[in-house]
Amino acid sequence: MGNSPLDFHPVVKLPDEYWVFDFSRGPQSDFKNPYEYSIGKYDERRPGMYTAPLFDGERNHHVGLDIGAPIGTEVYAFAEGKIHSFGINSEDGSYGPTIITEHNVSLPIAVGSSQQSQTQTIWVLHGHLRLDSLDGLKKGQTFPAGHRLAFVGAESENGGWPPHLHIQLSIHSPDGYDLPGVVTQEERLQAMIDFPDPRLIVGGVY
């Protein structure tokens, strides 16, 4: 299990052992994961996985990070912040219950051949949640690092996926409570700029 280089609070408390999927070969429906927890990679082309009309038959490049976990697993705020937006993305294959948070944090950015830390505003989408994760939320509500934000949802309420958290960073303020979690191959390079690697906050989980 990797630790965040900036000592952020874990988004999900991963055990020492978990499975890291390789979906670049397409769906693995006949595979039984030997672990309760798993990771689905960022910046991964996933042929044959996104068949719902929502994806137009073209969007299959994953620009978030997936943390597979049992139903009801607690999801925490990696840093202090506030609620930007929340709601239910109800389309087949979408996020289901979703919370987007807003944070001002110092993150490493590439400057030439080196890296420097720079304080900036980022937005973090938490998707595929349990429905009651939205109870009592208010836009602008603030919270500390380590605050329990949500719970991992069941397939019946999370958009139709095996239980997992989709976590995605954005450097632009989202319009509402949605972000494109997969993009076309033509959109990939710009998406890598707009939606940075979640391992910046989650740590080196693979």
N, C-alpha and C. Protein backbone atom coordinates (compact mmCIF):
# COMPACT_ATOMS: atom_id res chain seq x y z
N MET A 1 0.85 -1.19 0.00
CA MET A 1 0.00 0.00 0.00
C MET A 1 0.88 1.24 0.00
N GLY A 2 0.61 2.16 -0.92
CA GLY A 2 1.40 3.38 -0.99
C GLY A 2 0.86 4.45 -0.07
N ASN A 3 1.73 5.31 0.40
CA ASN A 3 1.34 6.44 1.23
C ASN A 3 1.44 7.72 0.43
N SER A 4 0.55 8.65 0.71
CA SER A 4 0.61 9.92 0.01
C SER A 4 1.91 10.62 0.31
N PRO A 5 2.58 11.18 -0.70
CA PRO A 5 3.84 11.89 -0.45
C PRO A 5 3.63 13.16 0.36
N LEU A 6 2.41 13.64 0.43
CA LEU A 6 2.13 14.88 1.15
C LEU A 6 1.38 14.62 2.46
N ASP A 7 1.32 13.36 2.87
CA ASP A 7 0.70 12.98 4.13
C ASP A 7 -0.76 13.40 4.22
N PHE A 8 -1.47 13.28 3.12
CA PHE A 8 -2.91 13.50 3.16
C PHE A 8 -3.58 12.34 3.87
N HIS A 9 -4.80 12.58 4.36
CA HIS A 9 -5.56 11.51 5.00
C HIS A 9 -5.98 10.50 3.94
N PRO A 10 -5.96 9.20 4.24
CA PRO A 10 -6.43 8.21 3.26
C PRO A 10 -7.89 8.47 2.86
N VAL A 11 -8.17 8.37 1.58
CA VAL A 11 -9.54 8.49 1.10
C VAL A 11 -10.32 7.24 1.47
N VAL A 12 -9.69 6.10 1.30
CA VAL A 12 -10.20 4.81 1.77
C VAL A 12 -9.05 4.14 2.51
N LYS A 13 -9.33 3.57 3.65
CA LYS A 13 -8.28 2.91 4.43
C LYS A 13 -8.03 1.52 3.83
N LEU A 14 -7.03 1.48 2.96
CA LEU A 14 -6.70 0.23 2.28
C LEU A 14 -5.91 -0.70 3.19
N PRO A 15 -6.14 -2.00 3.06
CA PRO A 15 -5.29 -2.96 3.78
C PRO A 15 -3.93 -3.05 3.10
N ASP A 16 -3.04 -3.84 3.68
CA ASP A 16 -1.70 -3.97 3.12
C ASP A 16 -1.71 -4.68 1.77
N GLU A 17 -2.69 -5.56 1.56
CA GLU A 17 -2.75 -6.32 0.31
C GLU A 17 -4.06 -6.05 -0.40
N TYR A 18 -3.96 -5.79 -1.70
CA TYR A 18 -5.15 -5.58 -2.53
C TYR A 18 -4.75 -5.88 -3.97
N TRP A 19 -5.74 -6.00 -4.83
CA TRP A 19 -5.48 -6.35 -6.22
C TRP A 19 -5.42 -5.08 -7.07
N VAL A 20 -4.49 -5.03 -8.02
CA VAL A 20 -4.43 -3.94 -9.00
C VAL A 20 -4.85 -4.51 -10.35
N PHE A 21 -5.97 -4.02 -10.87
CA PHE A 21 -6.50 -4.53 -12.13
C PHE A 21 -5.75 -3.94 -13.32
N ASP A 22 -5.74 -4.70 -14.40
CA ASP A 22 -5.29 -4.21 -15.70
C ASP A 22 -6.46 -4.37 -16.66
N PHE A 23 -7.22 -3.28 -16.84
CA PHE A 23 -8.39 -3.33 -17.71
C PHE A 23 -8.05 -2.95 -19.15
N SER A 24 -6.76 -2.76 -19.45
CA SER A 24 -6.38 -2.45 -20.82
C SER A 24 -6.66 -3.63 -21.75
N ARG A 25 -6.89 -4.81 -21.17
CA ARG A 25 -7.23 -6.00 -21.96
C ARG A 25 -8.73 -6.19 -22.08
N GLY A 26 -9.50 -5.25 -21.51
CA GLY A 26 -10.95 -5.36 -21.57
C GLY A 26 -11.53 -5.96 -20.29
N PRO A 27 -12.84 -6.22 -20.28
CA PRO A 27 -13.51 -6.74 -19.07
C PRO A 27 -12.90 -8.06 -18.61
N GLN A 28 -12.94 -8.25 -17.29
CA GLN A 28 -12.41 -9.49 -16.70
C GLN A 28 -13.51 -10.14 -15.87
N SER A 29 -14.65 -10.37 -16.50
CA SER A 29 -15.83 -10.85 -15.79
C SER A 29 -15.66 -12.27 -15.26
N ASP A 30 -14.74 -13.05 -15.85
CA ASP A 30 -14.54 -14.43 -15.40
C ASP A 30 -13.47 -14.54 -14.32
N PHE A 31 -12.92 -13.40 -13.90
CA PHE A 31 -11.85 -13.39 -12.91
C PHE A 31 -12.43 -13.13 -11.53
N LYS A 32 -12.02 -13.91 -10.54
CA LYS A 32 -12.46 -13.70 -9.17
C LYS A 32 -11.31 -13.08 -8.39
N ASN A 33 -11.52 -11.86 -7.94
CA ASN A 33 -10.50 -11.14 -7.20
C ASN A 33 -10.24 -11.83 -5.86
N PRO A 34 -9.00 -12.18 -5.55
CA PRO A 34 -8.72 -12.87 -4.29
C PRO A 34 -8.72 -11.93 -3.08
N TYR A 35 -8.86 -10.64 -3.30
CA TYR A 35 -8.82 -9.67 -2.21
C TYR A 35 -10.13 -8.88 -2.13
N GLU A 36 -10.42 -8.35 -0.94
CA GLU A 36 -11.62 -7.54 -0.75
C GLU A 36 -11.50 -6.17 -1.42
N TYR A 37 -10.27 -5.67 -1.53
CA TYR A 37 -10.04 -4.34 -2.06
C TYR A 37 -9.25 -4.43 -3.36
N SER A 38 -9.41 -3.41 -4.19
CA SER A 38 -8.71 -3.41 -5.48
C SER A 38 -8.52 -1.98 -5.96
N ILE A 39 -7.66 -1.85 -6.97
CA ILE A 39 -7.39 -0.56 -7.60
C ILE A 39 -7.61 -0.70 -9.11
N GLY A 40 -8.30 0.29 -9.68
CA GLY A 40 -8.41 0.42 -11.13
C GLY A 40 -7.65 1.66 -11.55
N LYS A 41 -6.79 1.55 -12.54
CA LYS A 41 -5.78 2.56 -12.84
C LYS A 41 -6.34 3.82 -13.51
N TYR A 42 -5.60 4.88 -13.30
CA TYR A 42 -5.77 6.16 -14.00
C TYR A 42 -5.06 6.10 -15.34
N ASP A 43 -5.57 6.88 -16.31
CA ASP A 43 -4.95 6.97 -17.64
C ASP A 43 -4.83 5.58 -18.26
N GLU A 44 -5.97 4.87 -18.33
CA GLU A 44 -5.98 3.51 -18.85
C GLU A 44 -7.07 3.38 -19.90
N ARG A 45 -6.70 2.89 -21.06
CA ARG A 45 -7.68 2.59 -22.10
C ARG A 45 -8.34 1.26 -21.75
N ARG A 46 -9.69 1.24 -21.74
CA ARG A 46 -10.44 0.07 -21.29
C ARG A 46 -11.41 -0.37 -22.38
N PRO A 47 -10.94 -1.09 -23.37
CA PRO A 47 -11.83 -1.50 -24.47
C PRO A 47 -12.93 -2.43 -23.99
N GLY A 48 -14.13 -2.22 -24.51
CA GLY A 48 -15.24 -3.12 -24.25
C GLY A 48 -15.91 -2.98 -22.90
N MET A 49 -15.50 -2.02 -22.07
CA MET A 49 -16.05 -1.91 -20.72
C MET A 49 -17.22 -0.94 -20.62
N TYR A 50 -17.29 0.04 -21.52
CA TYR A 50 -18.27 1.11 -21.38
C TYR A 50 -19.28 1.02 -22.52
N THR A 51 -20.30 0.19 -22.31
CA THR A 51 -21.25 -0.15 -23.37
C THR A 51 -22.57 0.60 -23.27
N ALA A 52 -22.80 1.33 -22.18
CA ALA A 52 -24.06 2.07 -22.03
C ALA A 52 -24.09 3.23 -23.02
N PRO A 53 -25.31 3.64 -23.43
CA PRO A 53 -25.43 4.76 -24.37
C PRO A 53 -24.72 6.03 -23.91
N LEU A 54 -24.57 6.20 -22.59
CA LEU A 54 -23.90 7.37 -22.03
C LEU A 54 -22.52 7.60 -22.64
N PHE A 55 -21.85 6.52 -23.05
CA PHE A 55 -20.46 6.62 -23.50
C PHE A 55 -20.32 6.72 -25.03
N ASP A 56 -21.43 6.73 -25.74
CA ASP A 56 -21.45 6.97 -27.19
C ASP A 56 -20.62 5.97 -27.99
N GLY A 57 -20.27 4.86 -27.39
CA GLY A 57 -19.47 3.86 -28.10
C GLY A 57 -18.06 4.29 -28.40
N GLU A 58 -17.63 5.43 -27.85
CA GLU A 58 -16.30 5.96 -28.17
C GLU A 58 -15.46 6.26 -26.93
N ARG A 59 -16.12 6.63 -25.84
CA ARG A 59 -15.36 7.02 -24.65
C ARG A 59 -14.97 5.77 -23.86
N ASN A 60 -13.69 5.49 -23.79
CA ASN A 60 -13.24 4.30 -23.05
C ASN A 60 -11.90 4.50 -22.35
N HIS A 61 -11.43 5.76 -22.27
CA HIS A 61 -10.15 6.02 -21.61
C HIS A 61 -10.41 6.62 -20.22
N HIS A 62 -10.01 5.89 -19.19
CA HIS A 62 -10.35 6.20 -17.81
C HIS A 62 -9.46 7.31 -17.27
N VAL A 63 -10.08 8.39 -16.74
CA VAL A 63 -9.31 9.53 -16.25
C VAL A 63 -9.53 9.78 -14.75
N GLY A 64 -10.02 8.77 -14.06
CA GLY A 64 -10.08 8.80 -12.60
C GLY A 64 -9.31 7.61 -12.07
N LEU A 65 -9.49 7.31 -10.79
CA LEU A 65 -8.90 6.14 -10.16
C LEU A 65 -10.00 5.43 -9.40
N ASP A 66 -10.06 4.09 -9.54
CA ASP A 66 -11.09 3.29 -8.87
C ASP A 66 -10.51 2.58 -7.66
N ILE A 67 -11.24 2.63 -6.56
CA ILE A 67 -10.86 1.87 -5.37
C ILE A 67 -12.01 0.91 -5.08
N GLY A 68 -11.81 -0.35 -5.42
CA GLY A 68 -12.80 -1.37 -5.14
C GLY A 68 -12.80 -1.70 -3.66
N ALA A 69 -14.00 -1.78 -3.08
CA ALA A 69 -14.11 -1.99 -1.64
C ALA A 69 -15.49 -2.55 -1.33
N PRO A 70 -15.65 -3.19 -0.17
CA PRO A 70 -16.96 -3.72 0.20
C PRO A 70 -18.02 -2.63 0.30
N ILE A 71 -19.27 -2.99 0.06
CA ILE A 71 -20.39 -2.07 0.23
C ILE A 71 -20.35 -1.49 1.64
N GLY A 72 -20.51 -0.18 1.74
CA GLY A 72 -20.53 0.47 3.04
C GLY A 72 -19.18 0.92 3.54
N THR A 73 -18.11 0.65 2.78
CA THR A 73 -16.78 1.12 3.19
C THR A 73 -16.79 2.64 3.30
N GLU A 74 -16.17 3.16 4.34
CA GLU A 74 -16.17 4.60 4.58
C GLU A 74 -15.20 5.32 3.64
N VAL A 75 -15.63 6.48 3.17
CA VAL A 75 -14.85 7.34 2.28
C VAL A 75 -14.56 8.63 3.03
N TYR A 76 -13.28 9.04 3.07
CA TYR A 76 -12.87 10.18 3.90
C TYR A 76 -12.36 11.33 3.03
N ALA A 77 -12.41 12.53 3.59
CA ALA A 77 -11.83 13.70 2.94
C ALA A 77 -10.31 13.63 3.07
N PHE A 78 -9.60 13.76 1.97
CA PHE A 78 -8.14 13.68 2.01
C PHE A 78 -7.53 14.91 2.68
N ALA A 79 -8.26 16.04 2.64
CA ALA A 79 -7.78 17.29 3.23
C ALA A 79 -8.99 18.14 3.59
N GLU A 80 -8.79 19.20 4.35
CA GLU A 80 -9.90 20.08 4.66
C GLU A 80 -10.44 20.70 3.38
N GLY A 81 -11.72 21.03 3.39
CA GLY A 81 -12.32 21.60 2.19
C GLY A 81 -13.77 21.92 2.43
N LYS A 82 -14.54 21.97 1.34
CA LYS A 82 -15.96 22.25 1.44
C LYS A 82 -16.72 21.50 0.35
N ILE A 83 -18.01 21.35 0.57
CA ILE A 83 -18.86 20.68 -0.41
C ILE A 83 -19.11 21.64 -1.57
N HIS A 84 -18.73 21.22 -2.76
CA HIS A 84 -18.99 22.02 -3.96
C HIS A 84 -20.38 21.72 -4.52
N SER A 85 -20.70 20.44 -4.65
CA SER A 85 -21.98 20.02 -5.21
C SER A 85 -22.20 18.55 -4.91
N PHE A 86 -23.44 18.12 -5.07
CA PHE A 86 -23.77 16.71 -4.84
C PHE A 86 -25.10 16.40 -5.50
N GLY A 87 -25.32 15.14 -5.80
CA GLY A 87 -26.57 14.73 -6.42
C GLY A 87 -26.44 13.32 -6.96
N ILE A 88 -27.45 12.91 -7.73
CA ILE A 88 -27.49 11.56 -8.28
C ILE A 88 -27.36 11.64 -9.80
N ASN A 89 -26.28 11.08 -10.31
CA ASN A 89 -26.11 10.93 -11.76
C ASN A 89 -26.76 9.60 -12.14
N SER A 90 -28.00 9.68 -12.60
CA SER A 90 -28.86 8.50 -12.66
C SER A 90 -28.78 7.72 -13.97
N GLU A 91 -28.04 8.22 -14.97
CA GLU A 91 -27.97 7.49 -16.23
C GLU A 91 -27.33 6.12 -16.02
N ASP A 92 -27.77 5.14 -16.81
CA ASP A 92 -27.18 3.81 -16.74
C ASP A 92 -25.68 3.90 -17.00
N GLY A 93 -24.88 3.38 -16.09
CA GLY A 93 -23.43 3.40 -16.23
C GLY A 93 -22.76 4.62 -15.65
N SER A 94 -23.54 5.58 -15.14
CA SER A 94 -22.95 6.78 -14.58
C SER A 94 -22.56 6.56 -13.12
N TYR A 95 -22.40 7.65 -12.36
CA TYR A 95 -21.84 7.56 -11.01
C TYR A 95 -22.85 7.25 -9.93
N GLY A 96 -24.16 7.35 -10.22
CA GLY A 96 -25.12 7.25 -9.13
C GLY A 96 -24.90 8.40 -8.16
N PRO A 97 -25.09 8.18 -6.86
CA PRO A 97 -24.85 9.24 -5.88
C PRO A 97 -23.41 9.74 -5.94
N THR A 98 -23.26 11.06 -5.99
CA THR A 98 -21.95 11.68 -6.25
C THR A 98 -21.77 12.90 -5.36
N ILE A 99 -20.56 13.08 -4.85
CA ILE A 99 -20.19 14.28 -4.08
C ILE A 99 -18.93 14.86 -4.69
N ILE A 100 -18.95 16.16 -4.96
CA ILE A 100 -17.74 16.87 -5.40
C ILE A 100 -17.33 17.85 -4.31
N THR A 101 -16.08 17.76 -3.90
CA THR A 101 -15.53 18.64 -2.87
C THR A 101 -14.53 19.61 -3.48
N GLU A 102 -14.30 20.70 -2.76
CA GLU A 102 -13.37 21.74 -3.22
C GLU A 102 -12.30 21.95 -2.16
N HIS A 103 -11.06 22.07 -2.60
CA HIS A 103 -9.93 22.15 -1.67
C HIS A 103 -8.88 23.14 -2.19
N ASN A 104 -8.25 23.83 -1.28
CA ASN A 104 -7.05 24.61 -1.60
C ASN A 104 -5.86 23.89 -0.98
N VAL A 105 -5.03 23.30 -1.83
CA VAL A 105 -3.94 22.47 -1.34
C VAL A 105 -2.68 22.72 -2.14
N SER A 106 -1.56 22.33 -1.56
CA SER A 106 -0.28 22.42 -2.24
C SER A 106 0.01 21.07 -2.88
N LEU A 107 0.18 21.08 -4.20
CA LEU A 107 0.44 19.85 -4.94
C LEU A 107 1.69 20.01 -5.79
N PRO A 108 2.43 18.93 -6.01
CA PRO A 108 3.62 19.03 -6.87
C PRO A 108 3.23 19.15 -8.33
N ILE A 109 3.86 20.07 -9.04
CA ILE A 109 3.64 20.23 -10.46
C ILE A 109 4.98 20.20 -11.18
N ALA A 110 4.97 19.77 -12.43
CA ALA A 110 6.20 19.70 -13.21
C ALA A 110 6.60 21.09 -13.67
N VAL A 111 7.86 21.45 -13.42
CA VAL A 111 8.42 22.71 -13.90
C VAL A 111 9.74 22.37 -14.60
N GLY A 112 9.70 22.32 -15.92
CA GLY A 112 10.87 21.86 -16.66
C GLY A 112 11.16 20.41 -16.32
N SER A 113 12.37 20.15 -15.86
CA SER A 113 12.76 18.78 -15.52
C SER A 113 12.62 18.49 -14.03
N SER A 114 12.07 19.45 -13.28
CA SER A 114 11.92 19.26 -11.83
C SER A 114 10.47 19.45 -11.43
N GLN A 115 10.20 19.24 -10.14
CA GLN A 115 8.87 19.43 -9.61
C GLN A 115 8.89 20.49 -8.51
N GLN A 116 7.85 21.31 -8.49
CA GLN A 116 7.68 22.29 -7.43
C GLN A 116 6.28 22.17 -6.87
N SER A 117 6.12 22.52 -5.60
CA SER A 117 4.80 22.51 -4.99
C SER A 117 4.14 23.86 -5.20
N GLN A 118 2.87 23.81 -5.50
CA GLN A 118 2.13 25.04 -5.77
C GLN A 118 0.74 24.91 -5.17
N THR A 119 0.33 25.94 -4.43
CA THR A 119 -1.02 25.92 -3.84
C THR A 119 -2.03 26.29 -4.91
N GLN A 120 -3.06 25.47 -5.02
CA GLN A 120 -4.08 25.71 -6.03
C GLN A 120 -5.41 25.14 -5.54
N THR A 121 -6.47 25.55 -6.22
CA THR A 121 -7.79 25.00 -5.94
C THR A 121 -8.02 23.79 -6.83
N ILE A 122 -8.44 22.69 -6.22
CA ILE A 122 -8.82 21.52 -7.00
C ILE A 122 -10.19 21.05 -6.53
N TRP A 123 -10.86 20.35 -7.42
CA TRP A 123 -12.16 19.76 -7.12
C TRP A 123 -12.01 18.26 -7.22
N VAL A 124 -12.65 17.53 -6.31
CA VAL A 124 -12.50 16.08 -6.24
C VAL A 124 -13.89 15.44 -6.31
N LEU A 125 -14.10 14.64 -7.34
CA LEU A 125 -15.35 13.90 -7.48
C LEU A 125 -15.24 12.55 -6.80
N HIS A 126 -16.26 12.23 -6.01
CA HIS A 126 -16.39 10.92 -5.36
C HIS A 126 -17.66 10.29 -5.92
N GLY A 127 -17.53 9.24 -6.72
CA GLY A 127 -18.68 8.65 -7.38
C GLY A 127 -18.93 7.21 -6.99
N HIS A 128 -20.15 6.73 -7.29
CA HIS A 128 -20.61 5.37 -7.00
C HIS A 128 -20.84 5.17 -5.50
N LEU A 129 -21.44 6.16 -4.88
CA LEU A 129 -21.63 6.16 -3.43
C LEU A 129 -22.95 5.50 -3.02
N ARG A 130 -23.07 5.26 -1.74
CA ARG A 130 -24.34 4.83 -1.17
C ARG A 130 -25.27 6.04 -1.09
N LEU A 131 -26.55 5.81 -1.33
CA LEU A 131 -27.50 6.92 -1.43
C LEU A 131 -27.53 7.79 -0.19
N ASP A 132 -27.44 7.17 0.99
CA ASP A 132 -27.55 7.97 2.22
C ASP A 132 -26.31 8.84 2.47
N SER A 133 -25.28 8.71 1.61
CA SER A 133 -24.12 9.60 1.72
C SER A 133 -24.50 11.05 1.47
N LEU A 134 -25.60 11.26 0.77
CA LEU A 134 -26.03 12.62 0.43
C LEU A 134 -26.90 13.25 1.52
N ASP A 135 -27.30 12.46 2.51
CA ASP A 135 -28.20 12.97 3.54
C ASP A 135 -27.55 14.11 4.32
N GLY A 136 -28.27 15.21 4.45
CA GLY A 136 -27.82 16.31 5.30
C GLY A 136 -26.75 17.20 4.72
N LEU A 137 -26.33 16.96 3.49
CA LEU A 137 -25.28 17.78 2.90
C LEU A 137 -25.81 19.15 2.49
N LYS A 138 -24.92 20.14 2.54
CA LYS A 138 -25.25 21.49 2.08
C LYS A 138 -24.08 22.02 1.26
N LYS A 139 -24.38 22.70 0.17
CA LYS A 139 -23.32 23.34 -0.61
C LYS A 139 -22.59 24.35 0.26
N GLY A 140 -21.28 24.36 0.16
CA GLY A 140 -20.47 25.28 0.96
C GLY A 140 -20.14 24.78 2.34
N GLN A 141 -20.72 23.66 2.74
CA GLN A 141 -20.44 23.08 4.06
C GLN A 141 -18.96 22.72 4.15
N THR A 142 -18.29 23.13 5.22
CA THR A 142 -16.86 22.86 5.38
C THR A 142 -16.63 21.63 6.24
N PHE A 143 -15.44 21.07 6.11
CA PHE A 143 -15.09 19.86 6.86
C PHE A 143 -13.58 19.81 7.01
N PRO A 144 -13.09 19.09 8.03
CA PRO A 144 -11.64 18.93 8.23
C PRO A 144 -11.10 17.73 7.46
N ALA A 145 -9.79 17.64 7.35
CA ALA A 145 -9.16 16.43 6.81
C ALA A 145 -9.58 15.23 7.64
N GLY A 146 -9.86 14.12 6.99
CA GLY A 146 -10.27 12.91 7.69
C GLY A 146 -11.73 12.83 7.99
N HIS A 147 -12.51 13.84 7.60
CA HIS A 147 -13.95 13.80 7.80
C HIS A 147 -14.57 12.68 6.96
N ARG A 148 -15.47 11.91 7.54
CA ARG A 148 -16.14 10.86 6.77
C ARG A 148 -17.15 11.51 5.84
N LEU A 149 -16.89 11.41 4.56
CA LEU A 149 -17.73 12.04 3.56
C LEU A 149 -18.87 11.15 3.10
N ALA A 150 -18.62 9.85 2.99
CA ALA A 150 -19.55 9.01 2.26
C ALA A 150 -19.28 7.54 2.54
N PHE A 151 -20.08 6.69 1.86
CA PHE A 151 -19.92 5.24 1.91
C PHE A 151 -19.96 4.69 0.49
N VAL A 152 -19.22 3.62 0.24
CA VAL A 152 -19.27 2.95 -1.05
C VAL A 152 -20.64 2.31 -1.24
N GLY A 153 -21.22 2.51 -2.43
CA GLY A 153 -22.57 2.04 -2.70
C GLY A 153 -22.64 0.67 -3.35
N ALA A 154 -23.81 0.07 -3.28
CA ALA A 154 -24.08 -1.22 -3.93
C ALA A 154 -24.39 -1.01 -5.40
N GLU A 155 -24.26 -2.05 -6.19
CA GLU A 155 -24.51 -1.98 -7.63
C GLU A 155 -25.92 -1.47 -7.94
N SER A 156 -26.87 -1.79 -7.07
CA SER A 156 -28.26 -1.39 -7.30
C SER A 156 -28.48 0.11 -7.19
N GLU A 157 -27.53 0.85 -6.62
CA GLU A 157 -27.72 2.29 -6.45
C GLU A 157 -26.54 3.12 -6.96
N ASN A 158 -25.45 2.48 -7.40
CA ASN A 158 -24.23 3.23 -7.72
C ASN A 158 -24.00 3.44 -9.21
N GLY A 159 -25.03 3.23 -10.02
CA GLY A 159 -24.88 3.37 -11.46
C GLY A 159 -24.75 2.04 -12.19
N GLY A 160 -24.77 0.94 -11.41
CA GLY A 160 -24.74 -0.39 -12.02
C GLY A 160 -23.38 -1.04 -12.09
N TRP A 161 -22.48 -0.66 -11.17
CA TRP A 161 -21.11 -1.17 -11.19
C TRP A 161 -20.81 -1.99 -9.93
N PRO A 162 -19.85 -2.93 -10.01
CA PRO A 162 -19.40 -3.57 -8.78
C PRO A 162 -18.96 -2.50 -7.78
N PRO A 163 -19.15 -2.73 -6.50
CA PRO A 163 -18.90 -1.68 -5.50
C PRO A 163 -17.47 -1.13 -5.56
N HIS A 164 -17.38 0.17 -5.77
CA HIS A 164 -16.07 0.84 -5.77
C HIS A 164 -16.28 2.34 -5.70
N LEU A 165 -15.23 3.04 -5.32
CA LEU A 165 -15.19 4.50 -5.35
C LEU A 165 -14.45 4.94 -6.60
N HIS A 166 -15.08 5.79 -7.40
CA HIS A 166 -14.37 6.48 -8.48
C HIS A 166 -13.98 7.84 -7.94
N ILE A 167 -12.68 8.10 -7.90
CA ILE A 167 -12.21 9.39 -7.41
C ILE A 167 -11.47 10.09 -8.55
N GLN A 168 -11.79 11.36 -8.75
CA GLN A 168 -11.26 12.10 -9.89
C GLN A 168 -10.98 13.53 -9.51
N LEU A 169 -9.82 14.03 -9.91
CA LEU A 169 -9.43 15.41 -9.66
C LEU A 169 -9.74 16.27 -10.88
N SER A 170 -10.06 17.53 -10.62
CA SER A 170 -10.25 18.49 -11.70
C SER A 170 -9.61 19.82 -11.30
N ILE A 171 -8.98 20.49 -12.27
CA ILE A 171 -8.42 21.81 -12.00
C ILE A 171 -9.41 22.92 -12.39
N HIS A 172 -10.57 22.51 -12.91
CA HIS A 172 -11.61 23.46 -13.28
C HIS A 172 -12.86 23.19 -12.45
N SER A 173 -13.57 24.22 -12.07
CA SER A 173 -14.78 24.07 -11.29
C SER A 173 -15.83 23.32 -12.11
N PRO A 174 -16.33 22.20 -11.62
CA PRO A 174 -17.32 21.43 -12.38
C PRO A 174 -18.65 22.19 -12.48
N ASP A 175 -19.35 21.91 -13.56
CA ASP A 175 -20.70 22.44 -13.75
C ASP A 175 -21.67 21.42 -13.18
N GLY A 176 -22.13 21.66 -11.96
CA GLY A 176 -22.99 20.68 -11.30
C GLY A 176 -22.18 19.64 -10.57
N TYR A 177 -22.67 18.40 -10.58
CA TYR A 177 -22.04 17.32 -9.80
C TYR A 177 -21.62 16.16 -10.70
N ASP A 178 -21.03 16.51 -11.85
CA ASP A 178 -20.62 15.49 -12.79
C ASP A 178 -19.29 15.89 -13.44
N LEU A 179 -18.50 14.89 -13.83
CA LEU A 179 -17.30 15.06 -14.63
C LEU A 179 -17.20 13.86 -15.56
N PRO A 180 -16.61 14.01 -16.74
CA PRO A 180 -16.43 12.84 -17.61
C PRO A 180 -15.36 11.90 -17.06
N GLY A 181 -15.78 10.75 -16.59
CA GLY A 181 -14.84 9.80 -16.00
C GLY A 181 -14.04 9.02 -17.02
N VAL A 182 -14.57 8.95 -18.23
CA VAL A 182 -13.84 8.36 -19.36
C VAL A 182 -13.98 9.30 -20.55
N VAL A 183 -12.95 9.34 -21.38
CA VAL A 183 -12.92 10.24 -22.53
C VAL A 183 -12.52 9.45 -23.76
N THR A 184 -12.61 10.08 -24.93
CA THR A 184 -12.14 9.44 -26.15
C THR A 184 -10.62 9.50 -26.22
N GLN A 185 -10.07 8.70 -27.12
CA GLN A 185 -8.62 8.73 -27.30
C GLN A 185 -8.14 10.10 -27.76
N GLU A 186 -8.96 10.77 -28.57
CA GLU A 186 -8.60 12.10 -29.07
C GLU A 186 -8.59 13.13 -27.95
N GLU A 187 -9.38 12.91 -26.91
CA GLU A 187 -9.48 13.85 -25.79
C GLU A 187 -8.45 13.59 -24.70
N ARG A 188 -7.71 12.49 -24.81
CA ARG A 188 -6.87 12.04 -23.69
C ARG A 188 -5.85 13.07 -23.25
N LEU A 189 -5.08 13.63 -24.14
CA LEU A 189 -3.98 14.52 -23.74
C LEU A 189 -4.50 15.74 -22.98
N GLN A 190 -5.59 16.34 -23.45
CA GLN A 190 -6.16 17.48 -22.72
C GLN A 190 -6.73 17.03 -21.39
N ALA A 191 -7.32 15.83 -21.36
CA ALA A 191 -7.90 15.32 -20.11
C ALA A 191 -6.84 15.10 -19.05
N MET A 192 -5.62 14.72 -19.45
CA MET A 192 -4.55 14.53 -18.48
C MET A 192 -4.18 15.86 -17.80
N ILE A 193 -4.40 16.97 -18.50
CA ILE A 193 -4.17 18.29 -17.91
C ILE A 193 -5.33 18.70 -17.02
N ASP A 194 -6.55 18.52 -17.54
CA ASP A 194 -7.74 18.97 -16.81
C ASP A 194 -8.04 18.11 -15.59
N PHE A 195 -7.70 16.81 -15.67
CA PHE A 195 -8.01 15.86 -14.60
C PHE A 195 -6.73 15.17 -14.15
N PRO A 196 -5.96 15.78 -13.25
CA PRO A 196 -4.65 15.23 -12.85
C PRO A 196 -4.78 13.87 -12.17
N ASP A 197 -3.65 13.20 -12.09
CA ASP A 197 -3.57 11.85 -11.51
C ASP A 197 -4.03 11.87 -10.05
N PRO A 198 -5.06 11.11 -9.68
CA PRO A 198 -5.52 11.07 -8.28
C PRO A 198 -4.47 10.58 -7.30
N ARG A 199 -3.42 9.94 -7.79
CA ARG A 199 -2.36 9.50 -6.87
C ARG A 199 -1.65 10.69 -6.22
N LEU A 200 -1.84 11.88 -6.75
CA LEU A 200 -1.32 13.08 -6.07
C LEU A 200 -1.89 13.21 -4.67
N ILE A 201 -3.12 12.74 -4.48
CA ILE A 201 -3.73 12.81 -3.15
C ILE A 201 -3.89 11.45 -2.49
N VAL A 202 -3.98 10.41 -3.29
CA VAL A 202 -4.21 9.05 -2.75
C VAL A 202 -2.88 8.39 -2.39
N GLY A 203 -1.82 8.76 -3.10
CA GLY A 203 -0.53 8.13 -2.87
C GLY A 203 -0.24 7.03 -3.87
N GLY A 204 0.89 6.36 -3.70
CA GLY A 204 1.36 5.39 -4.68
C GLY A 204 0.72 4.03 -4.50
N VAL A 205 -0.55 3.93 -4.88
CA VAL A 205 -1.28 2.67 -4.68
C VAL A 205 -0.96 1.63 -5.75
N TYR A 206 -0.25 2.04 -6.78
CA TYR A 206 0.30 1.09 -7.76
C TYR A 206 1.48 1.73 -8.46
